[in-house]
Amino acid sequence: MRQTTAAETEPDPAAAIVMEEVVRKENLEQALKQVVANKGGPGVDGMPVDELKRYLKTHWPDLKAQLLDGRYKPRPIKAVDIPKPGGGTRRLGIPIVLDRLIQQAILQVMVPVYDPTFSPHSFGFRPGRNAHQAVRQAQAYIQEGNNWVVDIDLEKFFDRVNHDILMGRIARRVTDKRVLRLIRRYLQAGAMMNGLVQDRSEGTPQGGPISPLLSNILLDELDKELERRGHKFCRYADDCNIYVQSERAGRRVMDSVERFLAERLKLKINREKSAVAEPQKRSFLGFSFTGGEYRKIRLAPKSVKSFKRKVKQITGRSRGITLERMIQELNRFTRGWMAYFRIAETPTVLADLESWIRRRLRSAVAKQWIRSCKTRFRGLHELGVDPKQAALAAISRKGPWAMSNMKAFKLAMPNKFFADRGLLALSGYGR
């Protein structure tokens, strides 16, 4: 086992993470702006974000005194289960808005001290760093000839963080016991669900402003160990991919990293979701890579499946909304989706998805015209289809999906038809 160095145990004398800095007026004003901008629902006390400023005008002097003398105790978080894109649920912990403000104020003081010391291989929840950079770095490693990936999935990471180990890492730099005590209280704040408060003895709940930084502080030890070993890797929160040149090397790395995580950080690798494989057979942050000489960034199959599932919800043939409304909802979704997935280098896939979306929309219109042959004929003819073609489609007994692929429907609603109604294109987005 690697020996702990003096630099790892002694506090950084340059660190200025003290409670007085947390409650400083300018720091609180900045934190308030951020919390209000983030919006979000109320916690267990029911206070909405837009009431926070008014509440502080009356109660801030007492709250400030509680923070400075170490008496402040956070309220329990509200536990909320949200669906994962690939199935299952993820539990979020929503603090009350006042605790979100205090956490944000702590975060703003800690980030300038911690972030400059984090690994350049860490990309998640850091200023000036993002998932696109991580994916492009992974692509560069693969193009250098590292054709195997050690894809590590930590088992229930945010639920399994050991509080004592995490607080030990924080205490290397934070010497103010009031700040340390408050962070531990946030970690241990109970979770309320169905009216009952459940105690917490491990884990850092997802949902609070400070949780991503705490996860990076803990996993920075993994980053430093991988750097010490000379590995080429990318980490985004609890997603870590290590790139090696052979399957044998990958299996050796997987075993040694598993031991390190268990012994040093009390964390467990989920072997069912982790793997040593060729990069094109795995996904990383929603992306994957093509085979061949030039490893292009492509959409991971799960991302395509998730996209189609959402589009099917929006374009459901039984929703009973207008085509214009459907296109508006599609645009809201695809605009955000493409803002993230725009770095994909496989435009044919996006073009195919565009074509599929247009067919979904034609199918929705066909469903609206399903009442009678006369309705279908009139609708097609009004969109410029000649009477013979319109009549053939009108008397068809096909269902809406099959009907949407008929020549008459394609003539009535070509690509330009949807473009004229504002449907956003996927291919070429943002370029």
Protein backbone atom coordinates (compact mmCIF):
# COMPACT_ATOMS: atom_id res chain seq x y z
CA MET A 1 0.00 0.00 0.00
CA ARG A 2 1.26 3.47 -0.87
CA GLN A 3 2.50 5.54 2.07
CA THR A 4 0.68 8.76 2.88
CA THR A 5 2.92 11.77 2.43
CA ALA A 6 3.23 14.71 4.81
CA ALA A 7 1.67 16.99 2.19
CA GLU A 8 -1.46 14.86 2.27
CA THR A 9 -1.94 15.06 6.03
CA GLU A 10 -0.85 18.59 6.87
CA PRO A 11 -3.29 21.44 6.19
CA ASP A 12 -2.47 23.89 3.45
CA PRO A 13 -1.36 27.12 5.20
CA ALA A 14 -2.54 29.14 2.19
CA ALA A 15 -6.12 27.92 2.53
CA ALA A 16 -8.54 30.58 3.75
CA ILE A 17 -11.62 28.43 4.21
CA VAL A 18 -13.01 29.96 7.38
CA MET A 19 -16.57 30.68 8.38
CA GLU A 20 -16.00 34.45 8.28
CA GLU A 21 -15.27 34.12 4.55
CA VAL A 22 -18.40 32.02 4.04
CA VAL A 23 -20.72 34.61 5.62
CA ARG A 24 -19.03 37.62 4.03
CA LYS A 25 -21.64 39.92 2.46
CA GLU A 26 -20.26 39.76 -1.10
CA ASN A 27 -20.02 35.97 -0.94
CA LEU A 28 -23.61 35.66 0.30
CA GLU A 29 -24.94 38.00 -2.38
CA GLN A 30 -23.25 35.95 -5.08
CA ALA A 31 -24.58 32.71 -3.55
CA LEU A 32 -28.11 34.14 -3.43
CA LYS A 33 -27.98 35.06 -7.12
CA GLN A 34 -26.83 31.55 -8.00
CA VAL A 35 -29.49 29.80 -5.92
CA VAL A 36 -32.24 31.98 -7.40
CA ALA A 37 -30.90 31.36 -10.93
CA ASN A 38 -30.85 27.60 -10.32
CA LYS A 39 -34.52 27.70 -9.28
CA GLY A 40 -35.56 24.24 -8.13
CA GLY A 41 -38.41 23.16 -5.90
CA PRO A 42 -38.85 23.76 -2.19
CA GLY A 43 -37.45 21.46 0.48
CA VAL A 44 -39.22 20.00 3.50
CA ASP A 45 -40.17 23.45 4.83
CA GLY A 46 -42.09 24.35 1.66
CA MET A 47 -40.30 27.67 1.13
CA PRO A 48 -39.97 28.53 -2.59
CA VAL A 49 -36.83 30.15 -3.96
CA ASP A 50 -38.51 33.49 -4.62
CA GLU A 51 -39.21 33.95 -0.90
CA LEU A 52 -35.60 33.46 0.20
CA LYS A 53 -34.47 37.06 -0.19
CA ARG A 54 -37.38 38.39 1.87
CA TYR A 55 -36.76 35.74 4.54
CA LEU A 56 -33.09 36.73 4.84
CA LYS A 57 -33.91 40.39 5.44
CA THR A 58 -35.55 39.40 8.71
CA HIS A 59 -33.62 36.35 9.83
CA TRP A 60 -30.07 36.76 8.48
CA PRO A 61 -28.52 38.38 11.61
CA ASP A 62 -29.55 35.41 13.76
CA LEU A 63 -28.55 32.87 11.09
CA LYS A 64 -25.16 34.53 10.69
CA ALA A 65 -24.59 34.37 14.45
CA GLN A 66 -25.51 30.66 14.45
CA LEU A 67 -23.01 29.97 11.65
CA LEU A 68 -20.22 31.93 13.30
CA ASP A 69 -20.56 30.24 16.67
CA GLY A 70 -21.15 26.76 15.19
CA ARG A 71 -24.78 26.33 16.32
CA TYR A 72 -26.45 26.13 12.91
CA LYS A 73 -28.08 22.77 12.12
CA PRO A 74 -29.35 21.96 8.62
CA ARG A 75 -32.88 20.70 8.06
CA PRO A 76 -33.50 17.20 6.65
CA ILE A 77 -33.44 16.91 2.88
CA LYS A 78 -36.48 15.93 0.84
CA ALA A 79 -35.88 12.60 -0.89
CA VAL A 80 -37.21 12.43 -4.45
CA ASP A 81 -36.85 9.49 -6.83
CA ILE A 82 -36.45 10.48 -10.48
CA PRO A 83 -36.35 8.08 -13.45
CA LYS A 84 -33.02 7.31 -15.11
CA PRO A 85 -32.83 7.49 -18.92
CA GLY A 86 -31.86 3.83 -19.10
CA GLY A 87 -34.45 2.64 -16.60
CA GLY A 88 -34.62 2.52 -12.83
CA THR A 89 -34.56 5.54 -10.55
CA ARG A 90 -32.03 7.86 -8.97
CA ARG A 91 -32.70 9.36 -5.56
CA LEU A 92 -32.10 13.08 -5.21
CA GLY A 93 -31.94 14.92 -1.90
CA ILE A 94 -33.44 18.41 -2.10
CA PRO A 95 -32.26 20.69 0.73
CA ILE A 96 -34.41 23.60 1.85
CA VAL A 97 -33.58 26.79 -0.05
CA LEU A 98 -31.78 28.27 2.99
CA ASP A 99 -29.45 25.28 3.15
CA ARG A 100 -28.90 25.54 -0.59
CA LEU A 101 -27.78 29.12 -0.02
CA ILE A 102 -25.36 28.18 2.75
CA GLN A 103 -23.96 25.25 0.77
CA GLN A 104 -23.46 27.51 -2.24
CA ALA A 105 -21.64 30.04 -0.04
CA ILE A 106 -19.33 27.29 1.28
CA LEU A 107 -18.80 26.01 -2.27
CA GLN A 108 -17.71 29.44 -3.53
CA VAL A 109 -15.05 29.64 -0.84
CA MET A 110 -13.78 26.08 -1.30
CA VAL A 111 -13.59 25.91 -5.11
CA PRO A 112 -10.75 28.48 -5.54
CA VAL A 113 -8.68 26.54 -3.01
CA TYR A 114 -9.38 23.00 -4.21
CA ASP A 115 -9.97 23.21 -7.95
CA PRO A 116 -6.44 24.33 -9.01
CA THR A 117 -5.04 21.22 -7.32
CA PHE A 118 -7.40 18.73 -8.97
CA SER A 119 -6.17 16.45 -11.73
CA PRO A 120 -6.30 17.66 -15.35
CA HIS A 121 -7.90 14.27 -16.07
CA SER A 122 -10.98 15.23 -13.98
CA PHE A 123 -13.70 16.97 -16.00
CA GLY A 124 -16.94 16.80 -14.00
CA PHE A 125 -18.48 19.71 -12.08
CA ARG A 126 -15.48 21.97 -12.40
CA PRO A 127 -15.31 25.56 -13.69
CA GLY A 128 -14.20 25.71 -17.31
CA ARG A 129 -14.38 21.92 -17.77
CA ASN A 130 -17.13 19.78 -19.26
CA ALA A 131 -18.18 16.42 -20.65
CA HIS A 132 -17.24 17.34 -24.23
CA GLN A 133 -13.63 17.86 -23.17
CA ALA A 134 -13.62 14.46 -21.47
CA VAL A 135 -14.99 12.71 -24.56
CA ARG A 136 -12.49 14.43 -26.87
CA GLN A 137 -9.64 13.50 -24.53
CA ALA A 138 -10.82 9.90 -24.57
CA GLN A 139 -10.89 10.02 -28.37
CA ALA A 140 -7.29 11.29 -28.42
CA TYR A 141 -6.14 8.42 -26.18
CA ILE A 142 -7.80 5.87 -28.48
CA GLN A 143 -6.29 7.41 -31.60
CA GLU A 144 -2.86 7.12 -29.95
CA GLY A 145 -3.29 3.34 -30.01
CA ASN A 146 -4.88 2.68 -26.63
CA ASN A 147 -7.50 0.36 -28.07
CA TRP A 148 -8.84 -1.06 -24.82
CA VAL A 149 -10.77 0.73 -22.12
CA VAL A 150 -11.13 -0.08 -18.43
CA ASP A 151 -14.64 1.22 -17.90
CA ILE A 152 -15.19 1.62 -14.15
CA ASP A 153 -18.63 2.00 -12.63
CA LEU A 154 -18.67 2.67 -8.89
CA GLU A 155 -21.48 0.86 -7.13
CA LYS A 156 -23.97 3.39 -5.73
CA PHE A 157 -21.15 5.89 -5.28
CA PHE A 158 -23.18 8.82 -3.94
CA ASP A 159 -24.93 6.50 -1.46
CA ARG A 160 -21.73 4.79 -0.26
CA VAL A 161 -19.29 7.65 0.42
CA ASN A 162 -17.65 7.04 3.78
CA HIS A 163 -18.10 10.18 5.88
CA ASP A 164 -14.99 9.70 8.01
CA ILE A 165 -12.72 9.21 5.00
CA LEU A 166 -14.23 12.19 3.18
CA MET A 167 -13.99 14.45 6.22
CA GLY A 168 -10.38 13.36 6.68
CA ARG A 169 -9.59 14.50 3.15
CA ILE A 170 -11.38 17.82 3.69
CA ALA A 171 -9.60 18.43 7.00
CA ARG A 172 -6.24 18.39 5.20
CA ARG A 173 -7.06 21.89 3.98
CA VAL A 174 -9.99 23.17 6.00
CA THR A 175 -8.78 23.96 9.50
CA ASP A 176 -11.84 25.87 10.71
CA LYS A 177 -13.73 23.41 12.91
CA ARG A 178 -16.98 25.34 12.39
CA VAL A 179 -16.81 24.71 8.65
CA LEU A 180 -15.86 21.07 9.13
CA ARG A 181 -18.68 20.54 11.60
CA LEU A 182 -21.21 22.14 9.27
CA ILE A 183 -20.11 20.04 6.28
CA ARG A 184 -20.43 16.87 8.36
CA ARG A 185 -23.90 17.96 9.46
CA TYR A 186 -24.89 18.36 5.83
CA LEU A 187 -23.61 14.87 5.12
CA GLN A 188 -25.54 13.44 8.04
CA ALA A 189 -28.76 15.42 7.53
CA GLY A 190 -31.62 12.96 7.46
CA ALA A 191 -33.73 12.33 4.38
CA MET A 192 -37.50 12.78 4.62
CA MET A 193 -39.67 10.51 2.53
CA ASN A 194 -43.36 9.74 3.04
CA GLY A 195 -43.36 11.87 6.17
CA LEU A 196 -40.56 9.95 7.90
CA VAL A 197 -36.95 11.09 8.42
CA GLN A 198 -34.30 8.47 7.73
CA ASP A 199 -30.89 8.94 9.35
CA ARG A 200 -27.78 8.99 7.17
CA SER A 201 -24.50 7.41 8.18
CA GLU A 202 -22.86 7.34 4.74
CA GLY A 203 -23.22 8.90 1.31
CA THR A 204 -23.38 12.43 -0.04
CA PRO A 205 -26.89 13.17 -1.32
CA GLN A 206 -27.23 14.31 -4.91
CA GLY A 207 -29.11 17.57 -5.15
CA GLY A 208 -27.18 19.96 -2.90
CA PRO A 209 -24.75 22.50 -4.42
CA ILE A 210 -21.77 21.18 -2.48
CA SER A 211 -22.16 17.46 -3.26
CA PRO A 212 -20.27 17.47 -6.62
CA LEU A 213 -17.25 19.20 -5.03
CA LEU A 214 -17.21 16.72 -2.15
CA SER A 215 -17.21 13.82 -4.62
CA ASN A 216 -14.29 15.37 -6.50
CA ILE A 217 -12.35 15.87 -3.24
CA LEU A 218 -12.75 12.18 -2.41
CA LEU A 219 -12.06 10.84 -5.91
CA ASP A 220 -9.08 13.14 -6.41
CA GLU A 221 -7.16 10.52 -4.47
CA LEU A 222 -7.99 8.00 -7.19
CA ASP A 223 -6.91 10.52 -9.83
CA LYS A 224 -3.58 11.10 -8.12
CA GLU A 225 -2.97 7.35 -7.84
CA LEU A 226 -3.71 6.79 -11.53
CA GLU A 227 -1.37 9.67 -12.41
CA ARG A 228 1.33 8.18 -10.22
CA ARG A 229 1.01 4.92 -12.15
CA GLY A 230 1.23 6.76 -15.47
CA HIS A 231 -2.25 5.80 -16.72
CA LYS A 232 -4.15 7.63 -19.44
CA PHE A 233 -7.63 8.23 -18.09
CA CYS A 234 -10.66 10.50 -18.00
CA ARG A 235 -12.94 10.92 -15.02
CA TYR A 236 -16.28 12.72 -14.94
CA ALA A 237 -17.75 12.52 -11.43
CA ASP A 238 -18.01 8.78 -10.72
CA ASP A 239 -17.52 7.75 -14.37
CA CYS A 240 -13.89 6.76 -14.91
CA ASN A 241 -12.36 5.32 -18.11
CA ILE A 242 -8.72 4.19 -18.27
CA TYR A 243 -7.21 3.57 -21.72
CA VAL A 244 -4.62 0.84 -22.23
CA GLN A 245 -3.05 -1.03 -25.15
CA SER A 246 -4.16 -4.59 -24.49
CA GLU A 247 -6.93 -6.60 -22.89
CA ARG A 248 -4.43 -8.25 -20.57
CA ALA A 249 -3.18 -4.88 -19.31
CA GLY A 250 -6.78 -3.77 -18.87
CA ARG A 251 -7.69 -6.70 -16.67
CA ARG A 252 -4.59 -6.12 -14.56
CA VAL A 253 -5.52 -2.45 -14.15
CA MET A 254 -9.13 -3.28 -13.28
CA ASP A 255 -8.04 -5.64 -10.48
CA SER A 256 -5.49 -3.24 -9.00
CA VAL A 257 -7.85 -0.23 -9.11
CA GLU A 258 -10.56 -2.31 -7.48
CA ARG A 259 -8.21 -3.13 -4.59
CA PHE A 260 -7.13 0.51 -4.26
CA LEU A 261 -10.72 1.78 -4.10
CA ALA A 262 -11.74 -0.83 -1.53
CA GLU A 263 -8.71 -0.34 0.73
CA ARG A 264 -8.21 3.42 0.54
CA LEU A 265 -11.68 4.84 -0.08
CA LYS A 266 -14.02 2.02 1.01
CA LEU A 267 -15.68 2.10 -2.41
CA LYS A 268 -16.79 -0.86 -4.50
CA ILE A 269 -16.70 -1.39 -8.26
CA ASN A 270 -19.91 -2.66 -9.81
CA ARG A 271 -18.53 -5.58 -11.79
CA GLU A 272 -21.77 -6.10 -13.71
CA LYS A 273 -21.64 -2.58 -15.17
CA SER A 274 -17.85 -2.30 -15.40
CA ALA A 275 -15.81 -3.95 -18.12
CA VAL A 276 -12.53 -4.23 -19.99
CA ALA A 277 -13.49 -3.88 -23.63
CA GLU A 278 -12.83 -2.17 -26.94
CA PRO A 279 -14.01 1.46 -26.73
CA GLN A 280 -16.55 1.10 -29.56
CA LYS A 281 -18.36 -1.49 -27.44
CA ARG A 282 -18.74 0.83 -24.44
CA SER A 283 -20.35 4.20 -23.81
CA PHE A 284 -18.85 7.21 -22.03
CA LEU A 285 -21.07 10.12 -20.99
CA GLY A 286 -23.66 9.20 -23.61
CA PHE A 287 -21.12 8.83 -26.43
CA SER A 288 -19.14 6.01 -27.98
CA PHE A 289 -16.59 5.71 -30.78
CA THR A 290 -16.43 4.14 -34.20
CA GLY A 291 -13.96 1.44 -35.16
CA GLY A 292 -11.40 1.82 -37.90
CA GLU A 293 -8.33 4.00 -38.28
CA TYR A 294 -9.96 7.29 -37.31
CA ARG A 295 -12.06 6.87 -34.18
CA LYS A 296 -15.00 9.19 -34.66
CA ILE A 297 -17.23 10.24 -31.78
CA ARG A 298 -20.67 8.73 -32.19
CA LEU A 299 -23.89 8.52 -30.22
CA ALA A 300 -24.00 5.58 -27.83
CA PRO A 301 -26.84 3.15 -28.64
CA LYS A 302 -28.44 3.91 -25.28
CA SER A 303 -28.51 7.61 -26.15
CA VAL A 304 -30.29 6.90 -29.43
CA LYS A 305 -32.80 4.65 -27.65
CA SER A 306 -33.44 7.30 -24.98
CA PHE A 307 -33.89 9.96 -27.68
CA LYS A 308 -36.44 7.86 -29.53
CA ARG A 309 -38.33 7.08 -26.34
CA LYS A 310 -38.74 10.81 -25.59
CA VAL A 311 -39.72 11.67 -29.18
CA LYS A 312 -42.35 8.91 -29.11
CA GLN A 313 -43.85 10.49 -25.99
CA ILE A 314 -44.02 13.90 -27.66
CA THR A 315 -45.40 12.61 -30.97
CA GLY A 316 -47.83 10.11 -29.48
CA ARG A 317 -50.64 9.61 -31.97
CA SER A 318 -53.33 9.69 -29.27
CA ARG A 319 -52.30 12.97 -27.62
CA GLY A 320 -54.88 15.03 -29.48
CA ILE A 321 -52.72 18.13 -29.94
CA THR A 322 -52.06 20.10 -33.10
CA LEU A 323 -49.06 19.49 -35.32
CA GLU A 324 -47.79 22.99 -34.51
CA ARG A 325 -47.89 22.29 -30.77
CA MET A 326 -46.11 18.96 -31.32
CA ILE A 327 -43.33 20.68 -33.27
CA GLN A 328 -42.92 23.28 -30.52
CA GLU A 329 -42.49 20.56 -27.89
CA LEU A 330 -40.09 18.65 -30.13
CA ASN A 331 -37.98 21.77 -30.66
CA ARG A 332 -37.71 22.41 -26.92
CA PHE A 333 -36.42 18.88 -26.42
CA THR A 334 -34.14 18.59 -29.46
CA ARG A 335 -32.58 22.02 -28.86
CA GLY A 336 -31.28 20.91 -25.46
CA TRP A 337 -30.42 17.42 -26.71
CA MET A 338 -28.33 18.70 -29.60
CA ALA A 339 -26.60 21.28 -27.42
CA TYR A 340 -25.09 18.29 -25.64
CA PHE A 341 -24.72 15.77 -28.47
CA ARG A 342 -23.54 18.21 -31.16
CA ILE A 343 -19.96 16.88 -31.01
CA ALA A 344 -21.04 13.56 -32.55
CA GLU A 345 -19.13 13.02 -35.80
CA THR A 346 -21.61 10.68 -37.49
CA PRO A 347 -24.07 12.96 -39.35
CA THR A 348 -25.73 10.01 -41.10
CA VAL A 349 -27.16 8.87 -37.76
CA LEU A 350 -28.59 12.34 -37.14
CA ALA A 351 -30.03 12.46 -40.65
CA ASP A 352 -31.71 9.09 -40.05
CA LEU A 353 -33.18 10.38 -36.79
CA GLU A 354 -34.49 13.46 -38.61
CA SER A 355 -36.18 11.27 -41.20
CA TRP A 356 -37.68 9.12 -38.43
CA ILE A 357 -39.02 12.22 -36.61
CA ARG A 358 -40.71 13.45 -39.78
CA ARG A 359 -42.34 10.05 -40.24
CA ARG A 360 -43.54 10.17 -36.62
CA LEU A 361 -45.16 13.53 -37.37
CA ARG A 362 -46.77 12.26 -40.59
CA SER A 363 -48.07 9.33 -38.62
CA ALA A 364 -49.58 11.67 -36.02
CA VAL A 365 -51.36 13.60 -38.80
CA ALA A 366 -52.56 10.34 -40.35
CA LYS A 367 -54.04 9.38 -36.98
CA GLN A 368 -55.89 12.71 -36.83
CA TRP A 369 -57.32 12.00 -40.28
CA ILE A 370 -58.31 8.44 -39.43
CA ARG A 371 -62.01 9.27 -38.98
CA SER A 372 -63.00 8.84 -42.64
CA CYS A 373 -61.72 8.43 -46.19
CA LYS A 374 -63.20 11.82 -47.00
CA THR A 375 -61.16 13.51 -44.25
CA ARG A 376 -57.94 11.92 -45.50
CA PHE A 377 -58.67 12.79 -49.11
CA ARG A 378 -59.46 16.41 -48.29
CA GLY A 379 -56.38 16.80 -46.09
CA LEU A 380 -54.01 15.34 -48.69
CA HIS A 381 -55.58 17.24 -51.57
CA GLU A 382 -55.37 20.56 -49.69
CA LEU A 383 -51.65 19.93 -49.23
CA GLY A 384 -51.14 19.66 -52.98
CA VAL A 385 -51.45 15.92 -53.67
CA ASP A 386 -53.14 15.15 -56.98
CA PRO A 387 -56.62 13.60 -56.66
CA LYS A 388 -55.59 10.14 -57.86
CA GLN A 389 -52.74 9.77 -55.34
CA ALA A 390 -54.90 11.29 -52.59
CA ALA A 391 -57.76 8.87 -53.36
CA LEU A 392 -55.48 5.81 -53.23
CA ALA A 393 -54.21 6.84 -49.80
CA ALA A 394 -57.66 7.82 -48.59
CA ILE A 395 -59.15 4.36 -49.15
CA SER A 396 -56.15 2.53 -47.64
CA ARG A 397 -56.81 0.31 -44.66
CA LYS A 398 -53.27 0.63 -43.39
CA GLY A 399 -52.59 1.92 -39.89
CA PRO A 400 -51.21 5.45 -39.26
CA TRP A 401 -47.55 4.31 -39.09
CA ALA A 402 -47.68 2.36 -42.36
CA MET A 403 -49.77 5.10 -43.97
CA SER A 404 -47.13 7.71 -43.07
CA ASN A 405 -44.71 5.98 -45.43
CA MET A 406 -47.05 6.08 -48.41
CA LYS A 407 -46.16 8.26 -51.40
CA ALA A 408 -49.17 10.54 -50.95
CA PHE A 409 -48.21 11.43 -47.37
CA LYS A 410 -44.60 12.06 -48.38
CA LEU A 411 -45.75 14.33 -51.21
CA ALA A 412 -48.14 16.16 -48.90
CA MET A 413 -45.60 16.62 -46.14
CA PRO A 414 -42.08 16.69 -47.60
CA ASN A 415 -39.04 17.92 -45.64
CA LYS A 416 -39.80 21.55 -46.58
CA PHE A 417 -43.31 21.23 -45.11
CA PHE A 418 -41.84 20.63 -41.65
CA ALA A 419 -39.01 23.14 -42.07
CA ASP A 420 -41.56 25.83 -42.98
CA ARG A 421 -43.37 25.05 -39.73
CA GLY A 422 -40.19 25.55 -37.71
CA LEU A 423 -39.05 21.98 -37.09
CA LEU A 424 -35.40 22.19 -36.04
CA ALA A 425 -32.83 20.15 -37.94
CA LEU A 426 -30.52 17.78 -36.07
CA SER A 427 -27.79 17.44 -38.67
CA GLY A 428 -25.65 20.52 -38.93
CA TYR A 429 -26.97 21.92 -35.63
CA GLY A 430 -24.72 24.67 -34.22
CA ARG A 431 -22.24 24.45 -37.11
